[in-house]
Amino acid sequence: MTDKPILILGGTGKTGRRLAGLLTAHGVPVRIGSRSGIPRFDWEVPATWGPAVQGVGAVYISYYPDIAVPGAAEIVDAFARLAVQHGVRRLVLLSGRGEHEAQRAEEMLKASGADWTILRCAWFSQNFSEGFLVESLLQGEVALPVGDVGEPFVDADDIAEAAFVALTEPGHVGQLYELTGPRLLSFAEAVAEIAKAADRDIRYARISHDEFTAAMAAHDLPPEFAWLLNELFTQVLDGRNETLTDGVQRLLGRAPKDFAAYATETAATGIWSS
């Protein structure tokens, strides 16, 4: 590593702000890539990309709103090539498991000429506390079009620590790490663990895809988020990710955080208290 700052795209998001905290705590200079950052970075405005990468030593790429969105791969490809042209070779990509567009972005990153590392991640545990499910948990019922499919929920703290290691330690160039938690849980089981940790009665209900689509429409979500949620719950959560991996162990030398530990720690903040 040099004394150049690391640019964190999505620096105010779930993993980005955690990574920023880790880097800052270890004395590594950080540049936050966001629409409110200085210089400003906006995925939809390519003219902001060049000033944002000027003078940085590496980039953590977290695509907004999600790398699963159609067209994300081409945008990540264009950014990676621009970064390399500006002399920034070290790129770490936050990717998603079982997502076609994410895997396309991975291949484009590999072909960009960058010194790349890919962190291919499972569903974040923090989606229950820092995302759209908080409201449902507070209301006492989580209704989703998902049955008994097991998901290896991974903690955002583990992802951020993995990114920190990949960015600051040698030996990770050209490596793809799949990051999962230590066990598979259905969404019903995950909600039950949250209910237990929060000492509340919170139910899980499986609903049809049509009911889910109608519920999303009622919330007046931006089109890209509505599409993303529909894609995740109707396509990706079909059992394709019902496997555990050793990515966290390989990168961090320890087991990943269990969902029960996440639920206990998060419940103590009061986020799920009605």
Protein backbone atom coordinates (compact mmCIF):
# COMPACT_ATOMS: atom_id res chain seq x y z
CA MET A 1 0.00 0.00 0.00
CA THR A 2 0.99 3.60 -0.57
CA ASP A 3 -0.08 6.73 1.22
CA LYS A 4 -2.65 7.44 -1.49
CA PRO A 5 -6.28 7.38 -0.37
CA ILE A 6 -8.61 4.48 -1.07
CA LEU A 7 -11.78 5.48 -2.89
CA ILE A 8 -14.87 3.77 -1.46
CA LEU A 9 -17.77 3.79 -3.90
CA GLY A 10 -20.95 3.45 -1.88
CA GLY A 11 -19.00 4.88 1.03
CA THR A 12 -22.17 5.68 2.97
CA GLY A 13 -23.77 2.25 2.41
CA LYS A 14 -23.87 -0.88 4.57
CA THR A 15 -20.40 -2.18 3.74
CA GLY A 16 -18.79 1.06 2.55
CA ARG A 17 -19.17 3.01 5.77
CA ARG A 18 -17.92 0.05 7.79
CA LEU A 19 -14.90 -0.27 5.52
CA ALA A 20 -14.27 3.47 5.81
CA GLY A 21 -14.24 3.14 9.59
CA LEU A 22 -11.76 0.27 9.51
CA LEU A 23 -9.40 2.03 7.11
CA THR A 24 -9.53 5.28 9.06
CA ALA A 25 -8.89 3.46 12.34
CA HIS A 26 -5.74 1.98 10.79
CA GLY A 27 -4.52 5.32 9.50
CA VAL A 28 -5.33 4.66 5.84
CA PRO A 29 -6.62 7.79 4.06
CA VAL A 30 -10.12 7.41 2.64
CA ARG A 31 -12.11 9.17 -0.06
CA ILE A 32 -15.86 8.63 0.09
CA GLY A 33 -17.44 8.12 -3.31
CA SER A 34 -21.00 9.40 -3.16
CA ARG A 35 -23.20 12.10 -4.62
CA SER A 36 -22.52 14.17 -1.51
CA GLY A 37 -18.78 13.40 -1.46
CA ILE A 38 -15.94 15.75 -2.37
CA PRO A 39 -15.23 15.35 -5.19
CA ARG A 40 -18.72 14.16 -6.07
CA PHE A 41 -19.23 10.65 -7.50
CA ASP A 42 -22.40 9.58 -9.26
CA TRP A 43 -22.77 6.33 -11.20
CA GLU A 44 -25.29 8.05 -13.49
CA VAL A 45 -22.87 10.90 -14.32
CA PRO A 46 -19.66 9.48 -15.85
CA ALA A 47 -18.14 12.97 -15.87
CA THR A 48 -17.78 12.66 -12.08
CA TRP A 49 -15.72 9.47 -12.26
CA GLY A 50 -12.40 10.92 -13.39
CA PRO A 51 -12.10 13.57 -10.66
CA ALA A 52 -13.09 10.96 -8.05
CA VAL A 53 -10.30 8.52 -9.01
CA GLN A 54 -7.65 11.21 -9.44
CA GLY A 55 -4.79 10.52 -7.06
CA VAL A 56 -6.25 7.43 -5.36
CA GLY A 57 -4.35 4.18 -4.86
CA ALA A 58 -7.21 1.68 -4.94
CA VAL A 59 -10.99 1.52 -5.27
CA TYR A 60 -13.69 -0.48 -3.49
CA ILE A 61 -16.54 -0.84 -5.99
CA SER A 62 -20.06 -1.15 -4.62
CA TYR A 63 -22.57 -0.46 -7.38
CA TYR A 64 -25.76 1.51 -6.69
CA PRO A 65 -28.56 0.55 -6.48
CA ASP A 66 -27.33 -3.05 -6.90
CA ILE A 67 -25.01 -4.96 -9.18
CA ALA A 68 -27.92 -7.24 -10.13
CA VAL A 69 -29.68 -4.41 -11.99
CA PRO A 70 -29.64 -4.73 -15.81
CA GLY A 71 -26.87 -2.63 -17.33
CA ALA A 72 -24.75 -2.61 -14.17
CA ALA A 73 -22.06 -4.78 -15.77
CA GLU A 74 -21.41 -2.35 -18.61
CA ILE A 75 -21.22 0.59 -16.20
CA VAL A 76 -18.80 -1.23 -13.89
CA ASP A 77 -16.75 -2.17 -16.97
CA ALA A 78 -16.59 1.46 -18.12
CA PHE A 79 -15.58 2.64 -14.65
CA ALA A 80 -12.90 -0.04 -14.21
CA ARG A 81 -11.31 0.80 -17.55
CA LEU A 82 -11.36 4.52 -16.74
CA ALA A 83 -9.75 3.86 -13.36
CA VAL A 84 -6.97 1.83 -14.98
CA GLN A 85 -6.44 4.59 -17.56
CA HIS A 86 -5.98 7.00 -14.64
CA GLY A 87 -3.32 4.76 -13.13
CA VAL A 88 -5.52 3.08 -10.48
CA ARG A 89 -4.95 -0.64 -10.91
CA ARG A 90 -6.13 -2.05 -7.56
CA LEU A 91 -9.88 -2.69 -7.65
CA VAL A 92 -12.00 -4.71 -5.22
CA LEU A 93 -15.54 -5.49 -6.38
CA LEU A 94 -18.53 -6.22 -4.15
CA SER A 95 -20.51 -8.82 -6.10
CA GLY A 96 -23.56 -10.99 -5.48
CA ARG A 97 -24.10 -14.74 -5.44
CA GLY A 98 -26.30 -16.31 -8.07
CA GLU A 99 -26.94 -13.03 -9.89
CA HIS A 100 -26.44 -13.09 -13.67
CA GLU A 101 -25.60 -9.41 -14.03
CA ALA A 102 -23.15 -9.59 -11.12
CA GLN A 103 -21.27 -12.45 -12.75
CA ARG A 104 -21.13 -10.47 -16.02
CA ALA A 105 -19.61 -7.55 -14.12
CA GLU A 106 -17.03 -9.89 -12.60
CA GLU A 107 -15.89 -11.07 -16.03
CA MET A 108 -15.64 -7.50 -17.29
CA LEU A 109 -13.57 -6.50 -14.26
CA LYS A 110 -11.19 -9.38 -14.94
CA ALA A 111 -10.74 -8.14 -18.52
CA SER A 112 -10.17 -4.50 -17.54
CA GLY A 113 -6.44 -4.78 -16.91
CA ALA A 114 -6.90 -4.11 -13.19
CA ASP A 115 -5.34 -5.95 -10.28
CA TRP A 116 -8.73 -7.27 -9.17
CA THR A 117 -10.27 -9.05 -6.21
CA ILE A 118 -13.92 -10.10 -6.14
CA LEU A 119 -16.01 -10.47 -2.97
CA ARG A 120 -19.10 -12.43 -4.01
CA CYS A 121 -21.54 -12.12 -1.15
CA ALA A 122 -24.67 -13.79 0.15
CA TRP A 123 -27.73 -11.90 1.45
CA PHE A 124 -26.65 -9.39 4.12
CA SER A 125 -27.89 -9.98 7.67
CA GLN A 126 -28.16 -6.20 7.95
CA ASN A 127 -30.98 -6.15 5.37
CA PHE A 128 -33.17 -6.88 8.40
CA SER A 129 -31.96 -3.82 10.31
CA GLU A 130 -30.68 -1.33 7.73
CA GLY A 131 -33.10 -1.93 4.89
CA PHE A 132 -36.69 -2.29 3.80
CA LEU A 133 -37.53 -5.12 6.25
CA VAL A 134 -37.26 -2.95 9.37
CA GLU A 135 -40.78 -1.60 8.96
CA SER A 136 -42.27 -5.09 8.64
CA LEU A 137 -40.40 -6.30 11.71
CA LEU A 138 -41.67 -3.33 13.72
CA GLN A 139 -45.22 -4.10 12.59
CA GLY A 140 -44.87 -7.70 13.75
CA GLU A 141 -45.12 -9.56 10.45
CA VAL A 142 -42.68 -10.15 7.60
CA ALA A 143 -44.49 -11.27 4.45
CA LEU A 144 -42.34 -12.44 1.53
CA PRO A 145 -42.74 -14.82 -1.43
CA VAL A 146 -40.09 -17.22 -0.11
CA GLY A 147 -40.62 -20.66 1.41
CA ASP A 148 -38.13 -22.99 3.05
CA VAL A 149 -35.15 -22.01 0.89
CA GLY A 150 -32.00 -21.76 3.01
CA GLU A 151 -29.91 -18.60 2.74
CA PRO A 152 -26.36 -18.33 4.20
CA PHE A 153 -26.85 -14.80 5.59
CA VAL A 154 -23.50 -12.99 5.84
CA ASP A 155 -22.74 -10.14 8.22
CA ALA A 156 -21.82 -6.75 6.75
CA ASP A 157 -19.05 -6.45 9.36
CA ASP A 158 -17.42 -9.58 7.91
CA ILE A 159 -17.72 -8.19 4.38
CA ALA A 160 -16.12 -4.90 5.40
CA GLU A 161 -13.29 -6.66 7.18
CA ALA A 162 -12.77 -8.89 4.14
CA ALA A 163 -12.59 -5.82 1.91
CA PHE A 164 -10.13 -4.19 4.31
CA VAL A 165 -7.83 -7.22 4.15
CA ALA A 166 -8.13 -7.50 0.36
CA LEU A 167 -7.24 -3.82 -0.04
CA THR A 168 -4.39 -3.57 2.46
CA GLU A 169 -2.66 -6.96 2.55
CA PRO A 170 -0.75 -8.81 -0.19
CA GLY A 171 -1.82 -12.07 -1.77
CA HIS A 172 -5.36 -11.31 -2.89
CA VAL A 173 -4.91 -10.05 -6.45
CA GLY A 174 -6.75 -12.28 -8.93
CA GLN A 175 -8.77 -13.98 -6.20
CA LEU A 176 -12.53 -14.51 -5.96
CA TYR A 177 -13.91 -15.06 -2.47
CA GLU A 178 -17.48 -16.21 -1.88
CA LEU A 179 -18.58 -14.87 1.50
CA THR A 180 -21.35 -16.58 3.45
CA GLY A 181 -22.38 -17.02 7.03
CA PRO A 182 -21.73 -20.30 8.89
CA ARG A 183 -25.20 -21.87 8.40
CA LEU A 184 -28.29 -21.87 6.23
CA LEU A 185 -31.51 -20.32 7.51
CA SER A 186 -34.87 -19.87 5.86
CA PHE A 187 -36.39 -16.42 6.09
CA ALA A 188 -38.92 -17.82 8.57
CA GLU A 189 -36.07 -19.09 10.76
CA ALA A 190 -34.22 -15.78 10.50
CA VAL A 191 -37.34 -13.85 11.55
CA ALA A 192 -37.82 -16.28 14.46
CA GLU A 193 -34.26 -15.63 15.66
CA ILE A 194 -34.87 -11.88 15.48
CA ALA A 195 -38.15 -12.26 17.38
CA LYS A 196 -36.36 -14.23 20.10
CA ALA A 197 -33.53 -11.71 20.37
CA ALA A 198 -35.95 -8.78 20.45
CA ASP A 199 -38.31 -10.60 22.85
CA ARG A 200 -41.26 -9.87 20.59
CA ASP A 201 -43.95 -11.75 18.72
CA ILE A 202 -42.94 -11.37 15.07
CA ARG A 203 -44.51 -13.68 12.50
CA TYR A 204 -43.36 -14.77 9.09
CA ALA A 205 -45.91 -15.24 6.30
CA ARG A 206 -45.26 -16.68 2.88
CA ILE A 207 -47.22 -14.80 0.26
CA SER A 208 -47.63 -15.18 -3.49
CA HIS A 209 -45.51 -13.28 -6.00
CA ASP A 210 -48.62 -11.35 -7.06
CA GLU A 211 -49.31 -10.31 -3.45
CA PHE A 212 -45.68 -9.23 -3.06
CA THR A 213 -45.77 -7.21 -6.27
CA ALA A 214 -48.96 -5.48 -5.10
CA ALA A 215 -47.39 -4.70 -1.72
CA MET A 216 -44.35 -3.15 -3.39
CA ALA A 217 -46.59 -1.04 -5.62
CA ALA A 218 -48.38 0.26 -2.54
CA HIS A 219 -45.06 1.50 -1.12
CA ASP A 220 -44.40 3.56 -4.27
CA LEU A 221 -40.79 2.38 -4.54
CA PRO A 222 -38.49 3.72 -7.27
CA PRO A 223 -38.71 1.44 -10.34
CA GLU A 224 -35.16 0.14 -9.99
CA PHE A 225 -35.75 -0.94 -6.38
CA ALA A 226 -39.08 -2.55 -7.21
CA TRP A 227 -37.39 -4.47 -10.04
CA LEU A 228 -34.49 -5.47 -7.79
CA LEU A 229 -36.71 -6.83 -5.00
CA ASN A 230 -38.81 -8.75 -7.50
CA GLU A 231 -35.65 -10.22 -9.07
CA LEU A 232 -34.20 -11.25 -5.71
CA PHE A 233 -37.36 -12.86 -4.39
CA THR A 234 -38.62 -14.47 -7.60
CA GLN A 235 -35.34 -15.54 -9.20
CA VAL A 236 -32.29 -15.56 -6.94
CA LEU A 237 -33.94 -17.09 -3.87
CA ASP A 238 -34.76 -20.33 -5.66
CA GLY A 239 -32.24 -22.54 -3.87
CA ARG A 240 -29.25 -21.75 -6.09
CA ASN A 241 -27.36 -20.32 -3.10
CA GLU A 242 -28.11 -23.09 -0.59
CA THR A 243 -24.42 -23.79 0.00
CA LEU A 244 -21.85 -22.57 2.48
CA THR A 245 -18.37 -21.39 1.53
CA ASP A 246 -15.05 -20.85 3.30
CA GLY A 247 -14.41 -17.34 1.93
CA VAL A 248 -14.52 -15.58 5.29
CA GLN A 249 -12.28 -18.21 6.87
CA ARG A 250 -9.76 -17.94 4.00
CA LEU A 251 -9.62 -14.15 4.13
CA LEU A 252 -9.92 -13.49 7.86
CA GLY A 253 -8.61 -16.68 9.42
CA ARG A 254 -11.75 -17.15 11.50
CA ALA A 255 -15.30 -18.36 11.21
CA PRO A 256 -17.95 -15.91 9.94
CA LYS A 257 -20.32 -14.26 12.41
CA ASP A 258 -23.43 -16.31 13.07
CA PHE A 259 -26.88 -14.83 12.44
CA ALA A 260 -27.82 -15.37 16.10
CA ALA A 261 -24.94 -13.14 17.20
CA TYR A 262 -26.05 -10.49 14.72
CA ALA A 263 -29.65 -10.70 15.98
CA THR A 264 -28.60 -10.42 19.64
CA GLU A 265 -26.26 -7.47 19.05
CA THR A 266 -28.75 -5.65 16.85
CA ALA A 267 -31.74 -6.21 19.13
CA ALA A 268 -29.76 -4.53 21.91
CA THR A 269 -29.75 -1.28 19.89
CA GLY A 270 -33.54 -1.13 20.05
CA ILE A 271 -34.01 -0.98 16.27
CA TRP A 272 -36.71 -3.69 16.41
CA SER A 273 -38.47 -2.42 19.53
CA SER A 274 -42.07 -1.53 18.77
